[in-house]
Protein backbone atom coordinates (compact mmCIF):
# COMPACT_ATOMS: atom_id res chain seq x y z
CA MET A 1 22.25 -20.09 10.07
CA ALA A 2 19.13 -17.83 8.62
CA LYS A 3 20.70 -14.62 6.81
CA GLN A 4 18.74 -11.37 7.24
CA VAL A 5 15.50 -10.43 4.98
CA LYS A 6 16.28 -6.90 3.30
CA TRP A 7 13.36 -5.77 1.42
CA SER A 8 13.81 -3.09 -1.58
CA LYS A 9 11.27 -0.88 -2.13
CA ALA A 10 9.99 -2.39 -5.46
CA ALA A 11 9.18 -5.62 -3.49
CA VAL A 12 7.46 -3.39 -0.46
CA THR A 13 5.22 -1.66 -3.45
CA ASP A 14 4.85 -5.28 -5.34
CA ARG A 15 3.41 -6.94 -1.65
CA ILE A 16 1.08 -4.09 -0.99
CA GLU A 17 -0.16 -3.73 -4.45
CA ILE A 18 -1.13 -7.44 -4.34
CA LEU A 19 -2.67 -7.82 -1.29
CA ASP A 20 -4.75 -4.99 -1.66
CA TYR A 21 -5.96 -6.19 -5.03
CA TRP A 22 -7.13 -9.07 -3.68
CA PHE A 23 -9.06 -7.18 -0.92
CA LEU A 24 -10.70 -4.92 -3.29
CA GLU A 25 -11.59 -8.23 -5.57
CA THR A 26 -12.79 -10.58 -3.12
CA GLY A 27 -14.29 -7.68 -0.29
CA ASN A 28 -12.46 -9.22 2.43
CA LYS A 29 -9.31 -9.71 3.99
CA LYS A 30 -9.13 -13.61 4.22
CA TYR A 31 -7.26 -14.34 1.09
CA SER A 32 -4.82 -11.25 1.34
CA LYS A 33 -4.15 -12.79 4.68
CA LYS A 34 -3.45 -16.26 3.05
CA LEU A 35 -1.34 -14.89 0.58
CA ASP A 36 0.73 -12.58 2.82
CA LYS A 37 1.36 -15.51 5.15
CA ALA A 38 2.54 -17.72 2.16
CA PHE A 39 5.14 -14.96 1.34
CA ARG A 40 6.37 -14.79 4.98
CA GLU A 41 6.93 -18.34 4.93
CA THR A 42 8.55 -18.54 1.56
CA ILE A 43 10.71 -15.77 2.71
CA SER A 44 11.57 -17.21 6.06
CA LEU A 45 12.59 -20.45 4.02
CA LEU A 46 14.72 -18.80 1.50
CA SER A 47 16.70 -16.80 4.36
CA LYS A 48 17.64 -20.53 5.71
CA PHE A 49 18.16 -22.11 2.34
CA PRO A 50 19.11 -18.89 0.07
CA GLU A 51 20.19 -21.06 -2.64
CA MET A 52 16.64 -23.03 -3.63
CA GLY A 53 15.79 -20.60 -5.93
CA ARG A 54 16.72 -20.76 -9.58
CA VAL A 55 19.20 -18.39 -11.05
CA LEU A 56 18.32 -16.26 -13.66
CA GLU A 57 20.24 -17.14 -17.06
CA GLY A 58 23.38 -14.68 -16.79
CA ARG A 59 22.80 -12.91 -13.82
CA GLU A 60 23.34 -13.11 -10.20
CA GLU A 61 19.73 -12.57 -9.20
CA ARG A 62 17.28 -15.75 -8.39
CA TYR A 63 13.58 -16.14 -8.31
CA PHE A 64 11.25 -18.40 -6.55
CA VAL A 65 8.07 -19.40 -7.53
CA LYS A 66 5.18 -19.73 -5.01
CA GLU A 67 1.64 -20.11 -6.22
CA ASN A 68 0.91 -17.52 -9.44
CA TYR A 69 4.35 -15.27 -8.02
CA ARG A 70 7.84 -15.01 -8.41
CA ILE A 71 9.90 -13.72 -5.78
CA PHE A 72 12.81 -12.27 -6.97
CA TYR A 73 15.95 -11.73 -4.53
CA LEU A 74 19.56 -11.72 -4.44
CA ILE A 75 21.95 -13.49 -1.97
CA LYS A 76 24.58 -11.27 -0.33
CA ASN A 77 27.23 -11.87 2.22
CA ASP A 78 24.69 -11.80 5.41
CA SER A 79 21.65 -11.47 3.58
CA ILE A 80 19.03 -11.74 1.15
CA GLU A 81 17.54 -8.51 -0.63
CA ILE A 82 13.93 -9.34 -2.19
CA LEU A 83 13.67 -7.31 -4.93
CA ARG A 84 10.27 -8.03 -6.81
CA ILE A 85 7.36 -10.47 -5.89
CA TRP A 86 5.57 -10.70 -9.34
CA ASP A 87 2.32 -12.14 -10.42
CA SER A 88 3.58 -14.82 -13.45
CA ARG A 89 -0.02 -14.17 -14.88
CA ARG A 90 1.31 -10.43 -16.02
CA ASN A 91 3.02 -9.51 -19.38
CA PRO A 92 6.90 -10.56 -18.48
CA GLU A 93 7.91 -7.53 -20.37
CA ASP A 94 6.48 -5.22 -17.59
CA LEU A 95 8.81 -6.45 -15.63
CA ASN A 96 12.35 -4.55 -14.43
CA ILE A 97 14.45 -6.44 -11.76
């Protein structure tokens, strides 16, 4: 049975910023829509198979790589919480989970 998906404020902000960036970069919504669909499909898969992501060393959080993005999440009893969506091309020192 699939777990309910909950979004942190940071993850919602990340998603909006990523999609807005690609809209401004390309001048149309085509790539942003494609990327958003990939995020939604990946998160749907994670809700069904939450342990398929890699565990962060020494922590409870997990992440799953989709293209150039890492989706960080936490497994709870009946849900998964999406913590961040991070562009792996950014400086990793700027990431705060």
